PDB file of N, CA and C in Angstrom:
ATOM      1  N   UNK A   1     -40.885 -49.415  64.835  1.00  0.00           N
ATOM      2  CA  UNK A   1     -40.027 -50.463  64.300  1.00  0.00           C
ATOM      3  C   UNK A   1     -39.764 -50.166  62.827  1.00  0.00           C
ATOM      4  N   UNK A   2     -38.526 -50.280  62.427  1.00  0.00           N
ATOM      5  CA  UNK A   2     -38.209 -49.961  61.037  1.00  0.00           C
ATOM      6  C   UNK A   2     -38.557 -51.135  60.112  1.00  0.00           C
ATOM      7  N   UNK A   3     -38.652 -50.829  58.844  1.00  0.00           N
ATOM      8  CA  UNK A   3     -39.097 -51.787  57.833  1.00  0.00           C
ATOM      9  C   UNK A   3     -38.228 -53.042  57.809  1.00  0.00           C
ATOM     10  N   UNK A   4     -36.922 -52.868  57.852  1.00  0.00           N
ATOM     11  CA  UNK A   4     -36.018 -54.028  57.786  1.00  0.00           C
ATOM     12  C   UNK A   4     -36.241 -54.970  58.962  1.00  0.00           C
ATOM     13  N   UNK A   5     -36.449 -54.420  60.126  1.00  0.00           N
ATOM     14  CA  UNK A   5     -36.698 -55.244  61.319  1.00  0.00           C
ATOM     15  C   UNK A   5     -38.022 -55.993  61.182  1.00  0.00           C
ATOM     16  N   UNK A   6     -39.037 -55.321  60.688  1.00  0.00           N
ATOM     17  CA  UNK A   6     -40.342 -55.962  60.494  1.00  0.00           C
ATOM     18  C   UNK A   6     -40.220 -57.109  59.497  1.00  0.00           C
ATOM     19  N   UNK A   7     -39.530 -56.871  58.397  1.00  0.00           N
ATOM     20  CA  UNK A   7     -39.341 -57.901  57.372  1.00  0.00           C
ATOM     21  C   UNK A   7     -38.576 -59.090  57.948  1.00  0.00           C
ATOM     22  N   UNK A   8     -37.549 -58.815  58.727  1.00  0.00           N
ATOM     23  CA  UNK A   8     -36.764 -59.880  59.362  1.00  0.00           C
ATOM     24  C   UNK A   8     -37.645 -60.722  60.287  1.00  0.00           C
ATOM     25  N   UNK A   9     -38.467 -60.066  61.092  1.00  0.00           N
ATOM     26  CA  UNK A   9     -39.364 -60.781  62.003  1.00  0.00           C
ATOM     27  C   UNK A   9     -40.418 -61.570  61.228  1.00  0.00           C
ATOM     28  N   UNK A  10     -40.933 -60.987  60.153  1.00  0.00           N
ATOM     29  CA  UNK A  10     -41.905 -61.691  59.317  1.00  0.00           C
ATOM     30  C   UNK A  10     -41.291 -62.969  58.764  1.00  0.00           C
ATOM     31  N   UNK A  11     -40.089 -62.865  58.217  1.00  0.00           N
ATOM     32  CA  UNK A  11     -39.403 -64.021  57.641  1.00  0.00           C
ATOM     33  C   UNK A  11     -39.209 -65.111  58.695  1.00  0.00           C
ATOM     34  N   UNK A  12     -38.748 -64.712  59.874  1.00  0.00           N
ATOM     35  CA  UNK A  12     -38.516 -65.676  60.951  1.00  0.00           C
ATOM     36  C   UNK A  12     -39.815 -66.337  61.402  1.00  0.00           C
ATOM     37  N   UNK A  13     -40.890 -65.573  61.484  1.00  0.00           N
ATOM     38  CA  UNK A  13     -42.187 -66.123  61.876  1.00  0.00           C
ATOM     39  C   UNK A  13     -42.673 -67.136  60.849  1.00  0.00           C
ATOM     40  N   UNK A  14     -42.521 -66.813  59.577  1.00  0.00           N
ATOM     41  CA  UNK A  14     -42.945 -67.728  58.515  1.00  0.00           C
ATOM     42  C   UNK A  14     -42.096 -69.001  58.548  1.00  0.00           C
ATOM     43  N   UNK A  15     -40.789 -68.864  58.768  1.00  0.00           N
ATOM     44  CA  UNK A  15     -39.930 -70.051  58.907  1.00  0.00           C
ATOM     45  C   UNK A  15     -40.408 -70.938  60.059  1.00  0.00           C
ATOM     46  N   UNK A  16     -40.752 -70.314  61.162  1.00  0.00           N
ATOM     47  CA  UNK A  16     -41.225 -71.050  62.337  1.00  0.00           C
ATOM     48  C   UNK A  16     -42.526 -71.777  62.023  1.00  0.00           C
ATOM     49  N   UNK A  17     -43.441 -71.101  61.342  1.00  0.00           N
ATOM     50  CA  UNK A  17     -44.715 -71.744  60.977  1.00  0.00           C
ATOM     51  C   UNK A  17     -44.474 -72.946  60.067  1.00  0.00           C
ATOM     52  N   UNK A  18     -43.520 -72.819  59.153  1.00  0.00           N
ATOM     53  CA  UNK A  18     -43.208 -73.936  58.255  1.00  0.00           C
ATOM     54  C   UNK A  18     -42.625 -75.108  59.043  1.00  0.00           C
ATOM     55  N   UNK A  19     -41.771 -74.820  59.998  1.00  0.00           N
ATOM     56  CA  UNK A  19     -41.135 -75.877  60.790  1.00  0.00           C
ATOM     57  C   UNK A  19     -42.121 -76.561  61.733  1.00  0.00           C
ATOM     58  N   UNK A  20     -43.000 -75.773  62.346  1.00  0.00           N
ATOM     59  CA  UNK A  20     -43.896 -76.310  63.375  1.00  0.00           C
ATOM     60  C   UNK A  20     -45.257 -76.741  62.831  1.00  0.00           C
ATOM     61  N   UNK A  21     -45.696 -76.147  61.739  1.00  0.00           N
ATOM     62  CA  UNK A  21     -46.970 -76.447  61.084  1.00  0.00           C
ATOM     63  C   UNK A  21     -48.169 -76.485  62.052  1.00  0.00           C
ATOM     64  N   UNK A  22     -48.387 -75.395  62.814  1.00  0.00           N
ATOM     65  CA  UNK A  22     -49.535 -75.398  63.727  1.00  0.00           C
ATOM     66  C   UNK A  22     -50.857 -75.492  62.951  1.00  0.00           C
ATOM     67  N   UNK A  23     -51.795 -76.225  63.508  1.00  0.00           N
ATOM     68  CA  UNK A  23     -53.079 -76.476  62.840  1.00  0.00           C
ATOM     69  C   UNK A  23     -53.862 -75.195  62.560  1.00  0.00           C
ATOM     70  N   UNK A  24     -53.761 -74.213  63.445  1.00  0.00           N
ATOM     71  CA  UNK A  24     -54.569 -72.999  63.327  1.00  0.00           C
ATOM     72  C   UNK A  24     -53.859 -71.868  62.583  1.00  0.00           C
ATOM     73  N   UNK A  25     -52.804 -72.181  61.859  1.00  0.00           N
ATOM     74  CA  UNK A  25     -52.000 -71.160  61.186  1.00  0.00           C
ATOM     75  C   UNK A  25     -52.325 -71.085  59.694  1.00  0.00           C
ATOM     76  N   UNK A  26     -52.695 -69.883  59.240  1.00  0.00           N
ATOM     77  CA  UNK A  26     -52.916 -69.667  57.807  1.00  0.00           C
ATOM     78  C   UNK A  26     -51.631 -69.944  57.029  1.00  0.00           C
ATOM     79  N   UNK A  27     -50.513 -69.491  57.568  1.00  0.00           N
ATOM     80  CA  UNK A  27     -49.223 -69.702  56.909  1.00  0.00           C
ATOM     81  C   UNK A  27     -48.940 -71.193  56.746  1.00  0.00           C
ATOM     82  N   UNK A  28     -49.121 -71.957  57.805  1.00  0.00           N
ATOM     83  CA  UNK A  28     -48.902 -73.405  57.729  1.00  0.00           C
ATOM     84  C   UNK A  28     -49.839 -74.038  56.712  1.00  0.00           C
ATOM     85  N   UNK A  29     -51.069 -73.539  56.627  1.00  0.00           N
ATOM     86  CA  UNK A  29     -52.021 -74.104  55.656  1.00  0.00           C
ATOM     87  C   UNK A  29     -51.541 -73.882  54.227  1.00  0.00           C
ATOM     88  N   UNK A  30     -50.883 -72.762  53.971  1.00  0.00           N
ATOM     89  CA  UNK A  30     -50.324 -72.528  52.637  1.00  0.00           C
ATOM     90  C   UNK A  30     -49.225 -73.538  52.330  1.00  0.00           C
ATOM     91  N   UNK A  31     -48.346 -73.775  53.287  1.00  0.00           N
ATOM     92  CA  UNK A  31     -47.282 -74.764  53.074  1.00  0.00           C
ATOM     93  C   UNK A  31     -47.863 -76.162  52.862  1.00  0.00           C
ATOM     94  N   UNK A  32     -48.907 -76.495  53.602  1.00  0.00           N
ATOM     95  CA  UNK A  32     -49.548 -77.806  53.451  1.00  0.00           C
ATOM     96  C   UNK A  32     -50.154 -77.969  52.063  1.00  0.00           C
ATOM     97  N   UNK A  33     -50.713 -76.885  51.532  1.00  0.00           N
ATOM     98  CA  UNK A  33     -51.352 -76.945  50.208  1.00  0.00           C
ATOM     99  C   UNK A  33     -50.332 -76.957  49.077  1.00  0.00           C
ATOM    100  N   UNK A  34     -49.119 -76.528  49.368  1.00  0.00           N
ATOM    101  CA  UNK A  34     -48.035 -76.658  48.413  1.00  0.00           C
ATOM    102  C   UNK A  34     -47.752 -75.439  47.550  1.00  0.00           C
ATOM    103  N   UNK A  35     -46.753 -75.627  46.700  1.00  0.00           N
ATOM    104  CA  UNK A  35     -46.224 -74.550  45.862  1.00  0.00           C
ATOM    105  C   UNK A  35     -47.282 -73.900  44.976  1.00  0.00           C
ATOM    106  N   UNK A  36     -48.127 -74.699  44.348  1.00  0.00           N
ATOM    107  CA  UNK A  36     -49.125 -74.121  43.445  1.00  0.00           C
ATOM    108  C   UNK A  36     -50.049 -73.153  44.170  1.00  0.00           C
ATOM    109  N   UNK A  37     -50.488 -73.505  45.379  1.00  0.00           N
ATOM    110  CA  UNK A  37     -51.367 -72.623  46.155  1.00  0.00           C
ATOM    111  C   UNK A  37     -50.624 -71.351  46.559  1.00  0.00           C
ATOM    112  N   UNK A  38     -49.378 -71.507  46.981  1.00  0.00           N
ATOM    113  CA  UNK A  38     -48.582 -70.336  47.369  1.00  0.00           C
ATOM    114  C   UNK A  38     -48.438 -69.389  46.185  1.00  0.00           C
ATOM    115  N   UNK A  39     -48.104 -69.932  45.027  1.00  0.00           N
ATOM    116  CA  UNK A  39     -47.924 -69.093  43.840  1.00  0.00           C
ATOM    117  C   UNK A  39     -49.237 -68.493  43.364  1.00  0.00           C
ATOM    118  N   UNK A  40     -50.326 -69.224  43.518  1.00  0.00           N
ATOM    119  CA  UNK A  40     -51.648 -68.675  43.191  1.00  0.00           C
ATOM    120  C   UNK A  40     -51.926 -67.440  44.044  1.00  0.00           C
ATOM    121  N   UNK A  41     -51.623 -67.532  45.339  1.00  0.00           N
ATOM    122  CA  UNK A  41     -51.841 -66.395  46.232  1.00  0.00           C
ATOM    123  C   UNK A  41     -50.945 -65.215  45.862  1.00  0.00           C
ATOM    124  N   UNK A  42     -49.698 -65.481  45.488  1.00  0.00           N
ATOM    125  CA  UNK A  42     -48.807 -64.395  45.053  1.00  0.00           C
ATOM    126  C   UNK A  42     -49.419 -63.696  43.846  1.00  0.00           C
ATOM    127  N   UNK A  43     -49.898 -64.465  42.887  1.00  0.00           N
ATOM    128  CA  UNK A  43     -50.520 -63.887  41.695  1.00  0.00           C
ATOM    129  C   UNK A  43     -51.758 -63.073  42.021  1.00  0.00           C
ATOM    130  N   UNK A  44     -52.620 -63.622  42.866  1.00  0.00           N
ATOM    131  CA  UNK A  44     -53.835 -62.903  43.265  1.00  0.00           C
ATOM    132  C   UNK A  44     -53.490 -61.583  43.937  1.00  0.00           C
ATOM    133  N   UNK A  45     -52.524 -61.625  44.830  1.00  0.00           N
ATOM    134  CA  UNK A  45     -52.157 -60.405  45.553  1.00  0.00           C
ATOM    135  C   UNK A  45     -51.503 -59.380  44.632  1.00  0.00           C
ATOM    136  N   UNK A  46     -50.746 -59.835  43.649  1.00  0.00           N
ATOM    137  CA  UNK A  46     -50.146 -58.902  42.685  1.00  0.00           C
ATOM    138  C   UNK A  46     -51.235 -58.166  41.912  1.00  0.00           C
ATOM    139  N   UNK A  47     -52.266 -58.894  41.508  1.00  0.00           N
ATOM    140  CA  UNK A  47     -53.391 -58.268  40.804  1.00  0.00           C
ATOM    141  C   UNK A  47     -54.087 -57.268  41.725  1.00  0.00           C
ATOM    142  N   UNK A  48     -54.269 -57.637  42.985  1.00  0.00           N
ATOM    143  CA  UNK A  48     -54.925 -56.732  43.931  1.00  0.00           C
ATOM    144  C   UNK A  48     -54.106 -55.461  44.160  1.00  0.00           C
ATOM    145  N   UNK A  49     -52.779 -55.562  44.108  1.00  0.00           N
ATOM    146  CA  UNK A  49     -51.930 -54.368  44.214  1.00  0.00           C
ATOM    147  C   UNK A  49     -52.200 -53.446  43.028  1.00  0.00           C
ATOM    148  N   UNK A  50     -52.261 -54.008  41.842  1.00  0.00           N
ATOM    149  CA  UNK A  50     -52.538 -53.204  40.642  1.00  0.00           C
ATOM    150  C   UNK A  50     -53.884 -52.509  40.771  1.00  0.00           C
ATOM    151  N   UNK A  51     -54.897 -53.246  41.193  1.00  0.00           N
ATOM    152  CA  UNK A  51     -56.232 -52.658  41.345  1.00  0.00           C
ATOM    153  C   UNK A  51     -56.239 -51.564  42.407  1.00  0.00           C
ATOM    154  N   UNK A  52     -55.484 -51.757  43.474  1.00  0.00           N
ATOM    155  CA  UNK A  52     -55.407 -50.736  44.521  1.00  0.00           C
ATOM    156  C   UNK A  52     -54.765 -49.461  43.984  1.00  0.00           C
ATOM    157  N   UNK A  53     -53.712 -49.602  43.184  1.00  0.00           N
ATOM    158  CA  UNK A  53     -53.097 -48.422  42.578  1.00  0.00           C
ATOM    159  C   UNK A  53     -54.077 -47.711  41.663  1.00  0.00           C
ATOM    160  N   UNK A  54     -54.861 -48.478  40.931  1.00  0.00           N
ATOM    161  CA  UNK A  54     -55.852 -47.870  40.038  1.00  0.00           C
ATOM    162  C   UNK A  54     -56.916 -47.119  40.834  1.00  0.00           C
ATOM    163  N   UNK A  55     -57.242 -47.607  42.023  1.00  0.00           N
ATOM    164  CA  UNK A  55     -58.244 -46.930  42.855  1.00  0.00           C
ATOM    165  C   UNK A  55     -57.696 -45.619  43.401  1.00  0.00           C
ATOM    166  N   UNK A  56     -56.370 -45.553  43.553  1.00  0.00           N
ATOM    167  CA  UNK A  56     -55.732 -44.334  44.024  1.00  0.00           C
ATOM    168  C   UNK A  56     -55.799 -44.115  45.524  1.00  0.00           C
ATOM    169  N   UNK A  57     -56.362 -45.059  46.266  1.00  0.00           N
ATOM    170  CA  UNK A  57     -56.495 -44.895  47.711  1.00  0.00           C
ATOM    171  C   UNK A  57     -55.251 -45.440  48.408  1.00  0.00           C
ATOM    172  N   UNK A  58     -54.529 -44.555  49.074  1.00  0.00           N
ATOM    173  CA  UNK A  58     -53.280 -44.946  49.732  1.00  0.00           C
ATOM    174  C   UNK A  58     -53.503 -46.087  50.719  1.00  0.00           C
ATOM    175  N   UNK A  59     -54.574 -46.024  51.486  1.00  0.00           N
ATOM    176  CA  UNK A  59     -54.865 -47.069  52.472  1.00  0.00           C
ATOM    177  C   UNK A  59     -54.984 -48.445  51.803  1.00  0.00           C
ATOM    178  N   UNK A  60     -55.667 -48.499  50.668  1.00  0.00           N
ATOM    179  CA  UNK A  60     -55.812 -49.760  49.928  1.00  0.00           C
ATOM    180  C   UNK A  60     -54.472 -50.225  49.364  1.00  0.00           C
ATOM    181  N   UNK A  61     -53.693 -49.279  48.864  1.00  0.00           N
ATOM    182  CA  UNK A  61     -52.379 -49.613  48.294  1.00  0.00           C
ATOM    183  C   UNK A  61     -51.482 -50.223  49.370  1.00  0.00           C
ATOM    184  N   UNK A  62     -51.424 -49.592  50.525  1.00  0.00           N
ATOM    185  CA  UNK A  62     -50.592 -50.091  51.630  1.00  0.00           C
ATOM    186  C   UNK A  62     -51.059 -51.480  52.056  1.00  0.00           C
ATOM    187  N   UNK A  63     -52.359 -51.670  52.179  1.00  0.00           N
ATOM    188  CA  UNK A  63     -52.920 -52.958  52.592  1.00  0.00           C
ATOM    189  C   UNK A  63     -52.545 -54.063  51.608  1.00  0.00           C
ATOM    190  N   UNK A  64     -52.726 -53.790  50.327  1.00  0.00           N
ATOM    191  CA  UNK A  64     -52.472 -54.820  49.313  1.00  0.00           C
ATOM    192  C   UNK A  64     -50.981 -55.089  49.120  1.00  0.00           C
ATOM    193  N   UNK A  65     -50.149 -54.057  49.219  1.00  0.00           N
ATOM    194  CA  UNK A  65     -48.700 -54.288  49.150  1.00  0.00           C
ATOM    195  C   UNK A  65     -48.260 -55.149  50.336  1.00  0.00           C
ATOM    196  N   UNK A  66     -48.834 -54.908  51.497  1.00  0.00           N
ATOM    197  CA  UNK A  66     -48.508 -55.722  52.670  1.00  0.00           C
ATOM    198  C   UNK A  66     -48.884 -57.182  52.442  1.00  0.00           C
ATOM    199  N   UNK A  67     -50.062 -57.421  51.866  1.00  0.00           N
ATOM    200  CA  UNK A  67     -50.467 -58.793  51.527  1.00  0.00           C
ATOM    201  C   UNK A  67     -49.495 -59.428  50.542  1.00  0.00           C
ATOM    202  N   UNK A  68     -49.093 -58.669  49.532  1.00  0.00           N
ATOM    203  CA  UNK A  68     -48.172 -59.203  48.528  1.00  0.00           C
ATOM    204  C   UNK A  68     -46.818 -59.535  49.151  1.00  0.00           C
ATOM    205  N   UNK A  69     -46.299 -58.640  49.975  1.00  0.00           N
ATOM    206  CA  UNK A  69     -45.016 -58.899  50.629  1.00  0.00           C
ATOM    207  C   UNK A  69     -45.110 -60.153  51.498  1.00  0.00           C
ATOM    208  N   UNK A  70     -46.198 -60.290  52.235  1.00  0.00           N
ATOM    209  CA  UNK A  70     -46.380 -61.483  53.066  1.00  0.00           C
ATOM    210  C   UNK A  70     -46.347 -62.748  52.205  1.00  0.00           C
ATOM    211  N   UNK A  71     -47.139 -62.781  51.137  1.00  0.00           N
ATOM    212  CA  UNK A  71     -47.212 -63.989  50.307  1.00  0.00           C
ATOM    213  C   UNK A  71     -45.906 -64.238  49.543  1.00  0.00           C
ATOM    214  N   UNK A  72     -45.233 -63.184  49.117  1.00  0.00           N
ATOM    215  CA  UNK A  72     -43.909 -63.354  48.509  1.00  0.00           C
ATOM    216  C   UNK A  72     -42.928 -63.953  49.516  1.00  0.00           C
ATOM    217  N   UNK A  73     -43.033 -63.527  50.756  1.00  0.00           N
ATOM    218  CA  UNK A  73     -42.144 -64.051  51.788  1.00  0.00           C
ATOM    219  C   UNK A  73     -42.425 -65.528  52.047  1.00  0.00           C
ATOM    220  N   UNK A  74     -43.683 -65.921  52.029  1.00  0.00           N
ATOM    221  CA  UNK A  74     -44.018 -67.346  52.148  1.00  0.00           C
ATOM    222  C   UNK A  74     -43.359 -68.119  51.006  1.00  0.00           C
ATOM    223  N   UNK A  75     -43.473 -67.604  49.783  1.00  0.00           N
ATOM    224  CA  UNK A  75     -42.859 -68.263  48.621  1.00  0.00           C
ATOM    225  C   UNK A  75     -41.341 -68.325  48.772  1.00  0.00           C
ATOM    226  N   UNK A  76     -40.744 -67.257  49.269  1.00  0.00           N
ATOM    227  CA  UNK A  76     -39.296 -67.231  49.475  1.00  0.00           C
ATOM    228  C   UNK A  76     -38.866 -68.292  50.482  1.00  0.00           C
ATOM    229  N   UNK A  77     -39.551 -68.349  51.612  1.00  0.00           N
ATOM    230  CA  UNK A  77     -39.218 -69.345  52.632  1.00  0.00           C
ATOM    231  C   UNK A  77     -39.372 -70.749  52.051  1.00  0.00           C
ATOM    232  N   UNK A  78     -40.412 -70.950  51.270  1.00  0.00           N
ATOM    233  CA  UNK A  78     -40.652 -72.264  50.668  1.00  0.00           C
ATOM    234  C   UNK A  78     -39.468 -72.724  49.824  1.00  0.00           C
ATOM    235  N   UNK A  79     -38.802 -71.782  49.158  1.00  0.00           N
ATOM    236  CA  UNK A  79     -37.681 -72.118  48.268  1.00  0.00           C
ATOM    237  C   UNK A  79     -36.307 -71.794  48.857  1.00  0.00           C
ATOM    238  N   UNK A  80     -36.275 -71.329  50.105  1.00  0.00           N
ATOM    239  CA  UNK A  80     -34.993 -71.041  50.739  1.00  0.00           C
ATOM    240  C   UNK A  80     -34.324 -69.768  50.248  1.00  0.00           C
ATOM    241  N   UNK A  81     -35.098 -68.866  49.693  1.00  0.00           N
ATOM    242  CA  UNK A  81     -34.574 -67.567  49.251  1.00  0.00           C
ATOM    243  C   UNK A  81     -34.666 -66.607  50.437  1.00  0.00           C
ATOM    244  N   UNK A  82     -33.580 -65.908  50.726  1.00  0.00           N
ATOM    245  CA  UNK A  82     -33.561 -64.987  51.863  1.00  0.00           C
ATOM    246  C   UNK A  82     -33.618 -63.532  51.384  1.00  0.00           C
ATOM    247  N   UNK A  83     -33.908 -62.645  52.329  1.00  0.00           N
ATOM    248  CA  UNK A  83     -33.870 -61.225  51.989  1.00  0.00           C
ATOM    249  C   UNK A  83     -32.436 -60.765  51.744  1.00  0.00           C
ATOM    250  N   UNK A  84     -31.465 -61.471  52.292  1.00  0.00           N
ATOM    251  CA  UNK A  84     -30.069 -61.176  51.986  1.00  0.00           C
ATOM    252  C   UNK A  84     -29.791 -61.461  50.507  1.00  0.00           C
ATOM    253  N   UNK A  85     -30.369 -62.564  49.999  1.00  0.00           N
ATOM    254  CA  UNK A  85     -30.239 -62.875  48.566  1.00  0.00           C
ATOM    255  C   UNK A  85     -30.815 -61.740  47.720  1.00  0.00           C
ATOM    256  N   UNK A  86     -31.982 -61.267  48.109  1.00  0.00           N
ATOM    257  CA  UNK A  86     -32.649 -60.188  47.369  1.00  0.00           C
ATOM    258  C   UNK A  86     -31.836 -58.902  47.471  1.00  0.00           C
ATOM    259  N   UNK A  87     -31.354 -58.605  48.674  1.00  0.00           N
ATOM    260  CA  UNK A  87     -30.543 -57.404  48.889  1.00  0.00           C
ATOM    261  C   UNK A  87     -29.295 -57.417  48.016  1.00  0.00           C
ATOM    262  N   UNK A  88     -28.635 -58.560  47.945  1.00  0.00           N
ATOM    263  CA  UNK A  88     -27.428 -58.677  47.111  1.00  0.00           C
ATOM    264  C   UNK A  88     -27.740 -58.422  45.647  1.00  0.00           C
ATOM    265  N   UNK A  89     -28.847 -58.964  45.182  1.00  0.00           N
ATOM    266  CA  UNK A  89     -29.227 -58.765  43.774  1.00  0.00           C
ATOM    267  C   UNK A  89     -29.572 -57.302  43.501  1.00  0.00           C
ATOM    268  N   UNK A  90     -30.288 -56.672  44.417  1.00  0.00           N
ATOM    269  CA  UNK A  90     -30.631 -55.258  44.223  1.00  0.00           C
ATOM    270  C   UNK A  90     -29.377 -54.384  44.234  1.00  0.00           C
ATOM    271  N   UNK A  91     -28.443 -54.675  45.130  1.00  0.00           N
ATOM    272  CA  UNK A  91     -27.182 -53.922  45.162  1.00  0.00           C
ATOM    273  C   UNK A  91     -26.421 -54.094  43.855  1.00  0.00           C
ATOM    274  N   UNK A  92     -26.402 -55.320  43.333  1.00  0.00           N
ATOM    275  CA  UNK A  92     -25.723 -55.586  42.067  1.00  0.00           C
ATOM    276  C   UNK A  92     -26.340 -54.752  40.946  1.00  0.00           C
ATOM    277  N   UNK A  93     -27.640 -54.605  40.956  1.00  0.00           N
ATOM    278  CA  UNK A  93     -28.331 -53.856  39.902  1.00  0.00           C
ATOM    279  C   UNK A  93     -28.107 -52.352  39.999  1.00  0.00           C
ATOM    280  N   UNK A  94     -27.702 -51.875  41.155  1.00  0.00           N
ATOM    281  CA  UNK A  94     -27.505 -50.433  41.344  1.00  0.00           C
ATOM    282  C   UNK A  94     -26.136 -49.971  40.883  1.00  0.00           C
ATOM    283  N   UNK A  95     -25.304 -50.859  40.420  1.00  0.00           N
ATOM    284  CA  UNK A  95     -23.953 -50.481  39.982  1.00  0.00           C
ATOM    285  C   UNK A  95     -23.980 -49.769  38.666  1.00  0.00           C
TER     286      UNK A  95
END
């Protein structure tokens, strides 16, 4: 599965968790705890990405970047920001 498809499915899954709020869902628990908790997790994961790069271990880097992307996606869904929005901004910057 290519990266774009995975990201699309991740976004849709997170949207579904927000809409349905299942009791056993980590994602739903983040939405229940609110914006501050979501942003705290984004910050924590960003720091962990930096530490993984410093360690130099590719496996750790991939793991932590995946965590960061997941938590950023939760934050995006929370505010209604889509990957299309991000794509448009990145394209604009490449001009």
